Amino acid sequence: MRSKGFLNTFIIVLSSTLVFYGFSSVGALAFTNVSSKDFGDETFVGPFDISRQKEQAVKEQLRTDFITLQTDFAVDLTYQDITVAMPVEVVTFDVEKTVEQSNSGKENPIVASVSVDGLRTILTQQFSSILFTEDSIQSIATGIERKLETGIMPLNVHITDYSDFTEKEIATSSIAVTEPSTSFMNLINALNGTEITSFATFSLFDFIKNNEVGLVSDEELTVLASVLYATILQTNFVIDERNIGSILAPLAEPGFEAAINEQLGLNFIFTNPNKTAFRLHIQSDKGKIVSSIIGMPLLYSYSPFVGQLESFEPKTIQQFSAFVPDGQVRVADEGRKGMEVEVHRTISYEGSVVEDEMISSDFYAPIPKIELHPLKKDSQQTSESSNGGTVDLQDNQNSADSQNVLESNDDKDPSPLKGEDEKEVQYDKGGNIIE
């Protein structure tokens, strides 16, 4: 009897166990089926197509895709004028969270996390002159994570987009000015405080056209453009157009002239290559025009200087005229020395020069000095002195009509006037040799 009772008890317990296990299995299977995702057509995670797949298959695919993404990892961090590579070890791509947040039939972001500690190390080592707060580091990390959502490489992240930095004066220059016109001062006042936005190009002609400042002479515009040019050379701004005149402008320093000629279309144009905006400050102060640029500091220091300056003495041209009394010499044109000036610029980082670049080589041709000598009545002579390149040009005058005339003197020895090919030298009405 006892054995039969025990058997009945065992059967009851076994049956209850089987029933309980069955219900548990069915419940777990039902929960699994409900929680598992099916992704339909046109479903993407970053650049990866996960259409028509179940959740587990998507996870397996993304594990492989994320390994490839890490292998091809190419993210640069840019602050103003410097760019550094970001190591892949600082970033983790999360498969589980990516799939969890993905929706069928949509373009879904990749979930990536940036190590704040790792990012802090990169920023303090690579941008040591910039002070980063903990809030700014966290903001930059979040910004990088958002950029990584697309999974598109290579990627450039401008960290100035995600943090505020104190602005300061990054460049300044000045130039003397005498008795500026009212229109010129109107232009100075209009230009003061002008914002040069990120990647924007500034044209002096366009600015004048868009602001009613009155008529400003080319000479005064050259003064303005020259001081702006000297200021901009102290930054990483790009000079798109800059010209020089046939002679150096009176108030400009050699190598730093930016000539303006509206009739010839000689303009002054530059571009801000940075992701942040800058402001031009320009004003008249004690006989000078002072120009400066305000904005987030650059990491490199830019220092332009004159590397070489060579001058050229002008030749002296002697002309002969019947209107100059015997024994006298008149100077018709004092002439001008010529010069060639080279401007270089050093680019330094934390006091150490990393590059010495050539900026420009400006050449101003010498203008000859012209002397008027009394007419030699005996003969026509042309000679070039061997000590200074002096050229004598005789200008025979007809005393009847007081006009310059050209004479042919076949009775005199022509050998001084002929070359080895026996060609006769010819003159124009000014007494100059016709080549």
Protein backbone atom coordinates (compact mmCIF):
# COMPACT_ATOMS: atom_id res chain seq x y z
CA MET A 1 0.00 0.00 0.00
CA ARG A 2 2.82 2.29 0.92
CA SER A 3 4.56 1.65 -2.45
CA LYS A 4 1.37 2.46 -4.30
CA GLY A 5 0.95 5.71 -2.37
CA PHE A 6 4.52 6.71 -3.09
CA LEU A 7 4.05 5.98 -6.82
CA ASN A 8 0.91 8.11 -6.97
CA THR A 9 2.71 10.96 -5.25
CA PHE A 10 5.65 10.71 -7.65
CA ILE A 11 3.34 10.77 -10.67
CA ILE A 12 1.56 13.86 -9.37
CA VAL A 13 4.84 15.72 -8.73
CA LEU A 14 6.23 14.75 -12.13
CA SER A 15 3.08 15.86 -13.89
CA SER A 16 3.12 19.19 -12.09
CA THR A 17 6.77 19.72 -13.00
CA LEU A 18 6.14 18.99 -16.66
CA VAL A 19 3.17 21.32 -16.74
CA PHE A 20 5.13 24.11 -15.04
CA TYR A 21 8.12 23.71 -17.38
CA GLY A 22 5.86 23.68 -20.37
CA PHE A 23 4.17 26.91 -19.41
CA SER A 24 7.57 28.51 -18.62
CA SER A 25 9.03 27.51 -22.01
CA VAL A 26 6.02 28.78 -23.89
CA GLY A 27 6.15 32.07 -21.96
CA ALA A 28 9.86 32.55 -22.60
CA LEU A 29 9.43 31.76 -26.28
CA ALA A 30 6.54 34.17 -26.52
CA PHE A 31 8.58 36.92 -24.80
CA THR A 32 11.54 36.28 -27.11
CA ASN A 33 9.36 36.52 -30.19
CA VAL A 34 7.76 39.71 -28.97
CA SER A 35 11.08 41.48 -28.02
CA SER A 36 13.08 40.44 -31.14
CA LYS A 37 13.15 42.99 -33.99
CA ASP A 38 12.61 42.37 -37.64
CA PHE A 39 14.10 45.04 -39.90
CA GLY A 40 12.32 45.68 -43.18
CA ASP A 41 13.39 47.27 -46.45
CA GLU A 42 15.40 50.50 -46.61
CA THR A 43 16.85 50.11 -43.13
CA PHE A 44 20.36 51.43 -42.54
CA VAL A 45 22.76 51.91 -39.68
CA GLY A 46 25.14 54.62 -40.77
CA PRO A 47 26.35 53.47 -44.21
CA PHE A 48 25.50 49.81 -43.50
CA ASP A 49 22.39 48.16 -45.00
CA ILE A 50 20.57 45.93 -42.51
CA SER A 51 17.35 45.47 -44.49
CA ARG A 52 15.27 42.30 -44.26
CA GLN A 53 17.16 40.84 -41.31
CA LYS A 54 16.33 39.78 -37.79
CA GLU A 55 17.90 41.39 -34.75
CA GLN A 56 20.48 38.69 -34.06
CA ALA A 57 21.64 38.63 -37.66
CA VAL A 58 21.96 42.41 -37.62
CA LYS A 59 24.13 42.27 -34.51
CA GLU A 60 26.43 39.76 -36.14
CA GLN A 61 26.71 41.91 -39.26
CA LEU A 62 27.38 45.10 -37.33
CA ARG A 63 30.13 43.47 -35.27
CA THR A 64 31.95 42.78 -38.51
CA ASP A 65 31.12 46.20 -39.99
CA PHE A 66 32.33 48.02 -36.87
CA ILE A 67 35.63 46.15 -36.98
CA THR A 68 36.07 47.43 -40.53
CA LEU A 69 35.09 50.92 -39.35
CA GLN A 70 37.79 50.83 -36.69
CA THR A 71 40.34 49.60 -39.21
CA ASP A 72 39.52 52.48 -41.57
CA PHE A 73 39.23 54.99 -38.72
CA ALA A 74 40.34 58.46 -39.86
CA VAL A 75 39.19 61.30 -37.63
CA ASP A 76 41.03 64.65 -37.41
CA LEU A 77 40.59 67.25 -34.71
CA THR A 78 41.05 70.84 -35.91
CA TYR A 79 41.57 73.92 -33.82
CA GLN A 80 41.91 77.03 -35.99
CA ASP A 81 45.23 76.59 -37.84
CA ILE A 82 46.29 73.17 -36.55
CA THR A 83 44.94 69.66 -37.19
CA VAL A 84 45.86 66.45 -35.34
CA ALA A 85 44.81 62.84 -35.83
CA MET A 86 42.55 61.24 -33.23
CA PRO A 87 43.60 57.70 -32.19
CA VAL A 88 40.98 55.00 -32.67
CA GLU A 89 41.56 53.71 -29.13
CA VAL A 90 39.63 56.70 -27.76
CA VAL A 91 36.41 55.61 -29.53
CA THR A 92 34.15 52.59 -28.94
CA PHE A 93 31.34 51.56 -31.30
CA ASP A 94 28.43 49.97 -29.37
CA VAL A 95 26.61 47.23 -31.30
CA GLU A 96 23.97 46.52 -28.63
CA LYS A 97 22.87 50.14 -28.18
CA THR A 98 22.98 50.76 -31.91
CA VAL A 99 20.58 47.90 -32.61
CA GLU A 100 18.41 48.75 -29.62
CA GLN A 101 17.90 52.32 -30.88
CA SER A 102 17.42 51.38 -34.55
CA ASN A 103 14.04 51.48 -36.24
CA SER A 104 12.91 49.53 -39.28
CA GLY A 105 12.72 51.36 -42.59
CA LYS A 106 14.86 54.30 -41.42
CA GLU A 107 18.41 55.63 -41.52
CA ASN A 108 19.71 55.00 -38.02
CA PRO A 109 22.79 56.49 -36.33
CA ILE A 110 25.78 54.53 -35.10
CA VAL A 111 26.12 54.74 -31.34
CA ALA A 112 29.72 55.57 -30.47
CA SER A 113 31.26 56.65 -27.19
CA VAL A 114 34.37 58.79 -26.75
CA SER A 115 36.58 58.32 -23.71
CA VAL A 116 36.64 61.66 -21.89
CA ASP A 117 39.91 60.77 -20.18
CA GLY A 118 41.51 59.84 -23.48
CA LEU A 119 40.22 62.98 -25.16
CA ARG A 120 41.52 65.14 -22.30
CA THR A 121 44.99 63.69 -22.80
CA ILE A 122 44.91 64.42 -26.54
CA LEU A 123 43.72 68.00 -26.10
CA THR A 124 46.19 68.93 -23.36
CA GLN A 125 49.13 67.38 -25.22
CA GLN A 126 48.36 68.59 -28.75
CA PHE A 127 46.83 71.98 -27.89
CA SER A 128 48.84 72.79 -24.79
CA SER A 129 48.53 76.58 -25.11
CA ILE A 130 44.71 76.38 -24.99
CA LEU A 131 42.88 76.07 -21.68
CA PHE A 132 40.16 73.42 -21.78
CA THR A 133 37.61 73.21 -18.95
CA GLU A 134 35.94 69.93 -18.01
CA ASP A 135 32.68 71.21 -19.46
CA SER A 136 34.37 72.03 -22.77
CA ILE A 137 36.03 68.60 -22.93
CA GLN A 138 32.68 66.89 -22.31
CA SER A 139 31.05 69.10 -24.95
CA ILE A 140 33.75 68.25 -27.49
CA ALA A 141 33.38 64.51 -26.73
CA THR A 142 29.63 64.74 -27.33
CA GLY A 143 30.22 66.62 -30.56
CA ILE A 144 32.62 63.93 -31.81
CA GLU A 145 30.09 61.21 -30.98
CA ARG A 146 27.46 63.00 -33.03
CA LYS A 147 29.82 63.31 -35.97
CA LEU A 148 30.58 59.57 -35.77
CA GLU A 149 26.90 58.68 -36.12
CA THR A 150 27.19 58.70 -39.92
CA GLY A 151 30.13 56.29 -40.00
CA ILE A 152 31.61 58.21 -42.93
CA MET A 153 35.41 58.42 -43.06
CA PRO A 154 37.56 60.48 -43.20
CA LEU A 155 36.02 62.89 -40.74
CA ASN A 156 37.17 66.33 -39.62
CA VAL A 157 35.88 67.73 -36.34
CA HIS A 158 36.31 71.45 -35.60
CA ILE A 159 36.48 71.53 -31.84
CA THR A 160 35.71 75.27 -31.84
CA ASP A 161 32.15 74.27 -32.79
CA TYR A 162 31.64 72.70 -29.39
CA SER A 163 33.44 75.02 -27.00
CA ASP A 164 33.81 78.76 -26.41
CA PHE A 165 37.26 80.28 -26.23
CA THR A 166 38.26 83.77 -25.15
CA GLU A 167 38.81 86.18 -28.04
CA LYS A 168 41.86 88.44 -28.20
CA GLU A 169 43.87 90.61 -30.58
CA ILE A 170 45.87 88.28 -32.81
CA ALA A 171 47.49 90.82 -35.19
CA THR A 172 48.10 94.55 -35.46
CA SER A 173 49.87 97.01 -37.75
CA SER A 174 49.96 100.74 -38.52
CA ILE A 175 50.85 103.13 -41.32
CA ALA A 176 51.38 106.89 -41.43
CA VAL A 177 48.75 109.05 -43.09
CA THR A 178 48.73 112.77 -43.89
CA GLU A 179 45.58 114.87 -44.12
CA PRO A 180 43.09 112.06 -44.80
CA SER A 181 40.04 113.07 -46.80
CA THR A 182 36.51 112.98 -45.43
CA SER A 183 35.63 110.08 -47.74
CA PHE A 184 38.67 108.16 -46.56
CA MET A 185 37.65 108.62 -42.92
CA ASN A 186 34.11 107.52 -43.82
CA LEU A 187 35.61 104.34 -45.25
CA ILE A 188 37.71 103.78 -42.11
CA ASN A 189 34.65 104.18 -39.88
CA ALA A 190 32.56 101.85 -42.05
CA LEU A 191 35.29 99.21 -42.05
CA ASN A 192 35.86 99.32 -38.29
CA GLY A 193 34.18 96.31 -36.64
CA THR A 194 33.59 94.42 -39.90
CA GLU A 195 33.15 90.69 -39.27
CA ILE A 196 35.00 88.21 -41.47
CA THR A 197 32.94 85.06 -41.05
CA SER A 198 34.27 81.51 -41.33
CA PHE A 199 35.64 80.70 -44.80
CA ALA A 200 34.46 84.12 -46.05
CA THR A 201 36.30 86.23 -48.65
CA PHE A 202 36.75 89.99 -48.26
CA SER A 203 37.11 92.26 -51.31
CA LEU A 204 37.97 95.92 -50.80
CA PHE A 205 36.17 96.91 -54.01
CA ASP A 206 33.02 95.03 -53.00
CA PHE A 207 33.06 96.61 -49.54
CA ILE A 208 33.31 100.12 -51.00
CA LYS A 209 30.54 99.31 -53.46
CA ASN A 210 28.21 98.15 -50.69
CA ASN A 211 28.89 101.13 -48.42
CA GLU A 212 28.25 104.74 -49.35
CA VAL A 213 31.50 106.36 -48.27
CA GLY A 214 32.11 108.78 -51.15
CA LEU A 215 34.97 108.97 -53.63
CA VAL A 216 38.29 107.76 -52.23
CA SER A 217 41.48 108.19 -54.25
CA ASP A 218 43.66 105.27 -55.33
CA GLU A 219 46.48 106.71 -53.21
CA GLU A 220 44.41 106.59 -50.03
CA LEU A 221 43.03 103.14 -50.88
CA THR A 222 46.62 101.96 -51.32
CA VAL A 223 47.40 103.22 -47.81
CA LEU A 224 44.42 101.30 -46.41
CA ALA A 225 45.13 98.11 -48.34
CA SER A 226 48.81 98.21 -47.33
CA VAL A 227 48.08 98.39 -43.60
CA LEU A 228 45.50 95.60 -43.94
CA TYR A 229 48.03 93.50 -45.86
CA ALA A 230 50.70 93.96 -43.18
CA THR A 231 48.16 92.94 -40.53
CA ILE A 232 46.85 89.89 -42.36
CA LEU A 233 50.37 88.54 -42.91
CA GLN A 234 50.47 87.99 -39.13
CA THR A 235 47.63 85.44 -39.42
CA ASN A 236 46.88 82.32 -41.44
CA PHE A 237 44.49 84.24 -43.69
CA VAL A 238 44.92 83.57 -47.42
CA ILE A 239 45.87 86.48 -49.71
CA ASP A 240 43.83 86.03 -52.89
CA GLU A 241 44.89 89.24 -54.67
CA ARG A 242 47.57 91.80 -53.91
CA ASN A 243 49.41 94.09 -56.31
CA ILE A 244 52.29 96.56 -56.36
CA GLY A 245 52.75 99.77 -58.34
CA SER A 246 55.50 100.70 -60.79
CA ILE A 247 57.03 102.74 -57.95
CA LEU A 248 56.69 102.17 -54.20
CA ALA A 249 53.82 104.14 -52.68
CA PRO A 250 55.21 107.03 -50.57
CA LEU A 251 53.80 105.83 -47.22
CA ALA A 252 54.16 102.07 -47.73
CA GLU A 253 57.06 100.03 -46.37
CA PRO A 254 59.08 98.04 -48.94
CA GLY A 255 57.59 94.57 -49.24
CA PHE A 256 54.29 95.52 -47.64
CA GLU A 257 52.67 97.61 -50.37
CA ALA A 258 49.22 96.64 -51.63
CA ALA A 259 48.56 98.97 -54.55
CA ILE A 260 45.00 99.83 -55.55
CA ASN A 261 43.95 101.09 -58.97
CA GLU A 262 40.22 101.05 -59.62
CA GLN A 263 40.57 101.88 -63.32
CA LEU A 264 42.93 98.95 -63.89
CA GLY A 265 40.98 96.67 -61.54
CA LEU A 266 43.86 96.23 -59.07
CA ASN A 267 42.02 95.05 -55.97
CA PHE A 268 42.92 93.66 -52.54
CA ILE A 269 41.22 90.37 -51.58
CA PHE A 270 41.77 87.89 -48.75
CA THR A 271 39.98 84.86 -47.22
CA ASN A 272 39.46 83.63 -43.67
CA PRO A 273 40.25 79.86 -43.76
CA ASN A 274 39.18 79.23 -40.17
CA LYS A 275 35.93 77.82 -38.79
CA THR A 276 35.52 80.86 -36.53
CA ALA A 277 34.76 84.51 -37.32
CA PHE A 278 37.13 87.43 -36.84
CA ARG A 279 36.58 91.19 -36.62
CA LEU A 280 38.57 93.98 -38.24
CA HIS A 281 39.32 96.96 -36.04
CA ILE A 282 40.70 100.00 -37.85
CA GLN A 283 40.94 103.60 -36.76
CA SER A 284 42.90 106.82 -37.17
CA ASP A 285 45.20 107.67 -34.27
CA LYS A 286 47.74 110.52 -34.11
CA GLY A 287 48.59 110.64 -37.80
CA LYS A 288 48.46 106.87 -38.24
CA ILE A 289 45.98 104.29 -39.42
CA VAL A 290 46.01 101.42 -36.92
CA SER A 291 44.63 98.04 -38.00
CA SER A 292 44.03 94.95 -35.86
CA ILE A 293 42.24 91.60 -36.02
CA ILE A 294 40.25 90.22 -33.07
CA GLY A 295 39.15 86.61 -32.67
CA MET A 296 39.87 83.23 -31.12
CA PRO A 297 43.65 82.87 -30.81
CA LEU A 298 45.60 80.92 -33.39
CA LEU A 299 47.95 78.18 -32.23
CA TYR A 300 50.83 79.16 -34.54
CA SER A 301 52.59 82.54 -34.52
CA TYR A 302 53.10 84.26 -37.87
CA SER A 303 55.92 86.82 -38.21
CA PRO A 304 56.56 88.48 -41.60
CA PHE A 305 59.91 90.18 -42.20
CA VAL A 306 62.05 91.58 -45.03
CA GLY A 307 64.53 88.87 -45.92
CA GLN A 308 66.49 90.75 -48.59
CA LEU A 309 66.50 94.30 -49.92
CA GLU A 310 68.66 95.23 -52.91
CA SER A 311 68.72 98.67 -54.51
CA PHE A 312 69.68 99.62 -58.06
CA GLU A 313 71.19 102.97 -59.03
CA PRO A 314 69.49 104.68 -61.96
CA LYS A 315 71.35 105.34 -65.20
CA THR A 316 71.92 108.90 -66.36
CA ILE A 317 70.72 109.88 -69.80
CA GLN A 318 72.32 112.97 -71.33
CA GLN A 319 70.28 114.88 -73.87
CA PHE A 320 71.53 117.88 -75.84
CA SER A 321 69.44 120.96 -76.51
CA ALA A 322 69.98 124.34 -78.12
CA PHE A 323 67.95 125.88 -75.31
CA VAL A 324 70.60 125.07 -72.69
CA PRO A 325 73.34 127.76 -72.48
CA ASP A 326 76.96 126.74 -72.82
CA GLY A 327 78.51 125.57 -69.58
CA GLN A 328 75.20 124.69 -67.93
CA VAL A 329 73.47 121.36 -67.23
CA ARG A 330 69.79 121.14 -66.46
CA VAL A 331 68.14 118.14 -64.77
CA ALA A 332 64.87 117.30 -66.54
CA ASP A 333 64.12 114.29 -64.29
CA GLU A 334 65.89 113.37 -61.06
CA GLY A 335 65.09 109.70 -61.67
CA ARG A 336 64.63 107.15 -58.92
CA LYS A 337 66.50 104.21 -57.47
CA GLY A 338 65.11 100.77 -58.17
CA MET A 339 64.80 97.98 -55.64
CA GLU A 340 64.02 94.32 -55.18
CA VAL A 341 62.64 93.22 -51.82
CA GLU A 342 61.89 89.71 -50.58
CA VAL A 343 59.43 89.16 -47.76
CA HIS A 344 59.52 85.96 -45.71
CA ARG A 345 57.39 84.74 -42.83
CA THR A 346 58.30 82.46 -39.97
CA ILE A 347 55.63 80.15 -38.56
CA SER A 348 56.35 79.23 -34.94
CA TYR A 349 54.81 76.91 -32.38
CA GLU A 350 55.49 77.54 -28.71
CA GLY A 351 58.52 79.66 -29.60
CA SER A 352 60.09 77.19 -32.03
CA VAL A 353 60.18 77.99 -35.75
CA VAL A 354 58.57 75.18 -37.73
CA GLU A 355 58.63 76.86 -41.17
CA ASP A 356 60.19 79.81 -42.99
CA GLU A 357 58.10 80.52 -46.05
CA MET A 358 58.63 82.90 -48.95
CA ILE A 359 55.79 85.41 -49.21
CA SER A 360 56.70 87.71 -52.11
CA SER A 361 59.48 89.18 -54.24
CA ASP A 362 58.69 92.74 -55.32
CA PHE A 363 60.72 94.51 -58.01
CA TYR A 364 60.63 98.23 -58.75
CA ALA A 365 62.62 99.18 -61.86
CA PRO A 366 64.93 102.20 -61.56
CA ILE A 367 63.86 105.39 -63.38
CA PRO A 368 66.74 107.03 -65.31
CA LYS A 369 68.01 110.50 -64.45
CA ILE A 370 67.73 112.85 -67.46
CA GLU A 371 70.24 115.68 -67.91
CA LEU A 372 69.99 118.42 -70.55
CA HIS A 373 73.35 119.58 -71.88
CA PRO A 374 74.15 122.44 -74.27
CA LEU A 375 74.19 121.53 -77.94
CA LYS A 376 77.52 120.52 -79.44
CA LYS A 377 77.72 122.38 -82.68
CA ASP A 378 80.56 120.48 -84.31
CA SER A 379 79.09 117.02 -84.57
CA GLN A 380 76.44 114.55 -83.41
CA GLN A 381 77.77 112.17 -80.79
CA THR A 382 76.35 109.34 -78.84
CA SER A 383 78.41 107.50 -76.31
CA GLU A 384 77.85 105.35 -73.29
CA SER A 385 80.27 105.95 -70.45
CA SER A 386 81.95 102.89 -69.05
CA ASN A 387 81.66 103.90 -65.39
CA GLY A 388 77.93 104.31 -64.81
CA GLY A 389 75.98 103.47 -67.94
CA THR A 390 75.70 107.16 -68.95
CA VAL A 391 74.22 107.67 -72.40
CA ASP A 392 74.84 110.93 -74.38
CA LEU A 393 72.10 111.85 -76.79
CA GLN A 394 72.60 114.93 -79.02
CA ASP A 395 69.47 116.77 -80.02
CA ASN A 396 70.18 119.14 -82.90
CA GLN A 397 67.85 122.09 -82.96
CA ASN A 398 66.74 124.19 -85.88
CA SER A 399 67.09 127.77 -84.68
CA ALA A 400 64.51 129.00 -87.24
CA ASP A 401 61.46 127.01 -86.01
CA SER A 402 62.83 125.97 -82.58
CA GLN A 403 61.94 122.34 -83.35
CA ASN A 404 64.06 119.24 -82.89
CA VAL A 405 65.30 118.00 -86.23
CA LEU A 406 67.27 115.00 -87.31
CA GLU A 407 70.36 115.56 -89.44
CA SER A 408 72.25 113.15 -91.65
CA ASN A 409 75.97 113.83 -91.71
CA ASP A 410 77.45 111.68 -94.48
CA ASP A 411 80.60 113.84 -94.74
CA LYS A 412 81.77 112.84 -91.27
CA ASP A 413 83.37 109.60 -90.26
CA PRO A 414 80.45 107.20 -89.57
CA SER A 415 82.49 104.58 -87.79
CA PRO A 416 81.50 105.69 -84.26
CA LEU A 417 77.85 105.36 -85.24
CA LYS A 418 77.99 101.99 -86.94
CA GLY A 419 78.32 98.50 -85.63
CA GLU A 420 80.17 95.56 -87.03
CA ASP A 421 77.40 95.02 -89.60
CA GLU A 422 77.91 98.61 -90.88
CA LYS A 423 74.27 99.54 -90.23
CA GLU A 424 73.71 103.27 -89.88
CA VAL A 425 72.37 104.42 -86.51
CA GLN A 426 69.00 106.21 -86.68
CA TYR A 427 67.44 108.64 -84.21
CA ASP A 428 63.93 109.68 -83.37
CA LYS A 429 62.80 113.28 -82.85
CA GLY A 430 63.85 113.18 -79.21
CA GLY A 431 67.42 112.29 -80.14
CA ASN A 432 67.05 108.72 -78.90
CA ILE A 433 68.57 105.81 -80.82
CA ILE A 434 66.05 103.73 -82.73
CA GLU A 435 66.86 100.06 -82.15
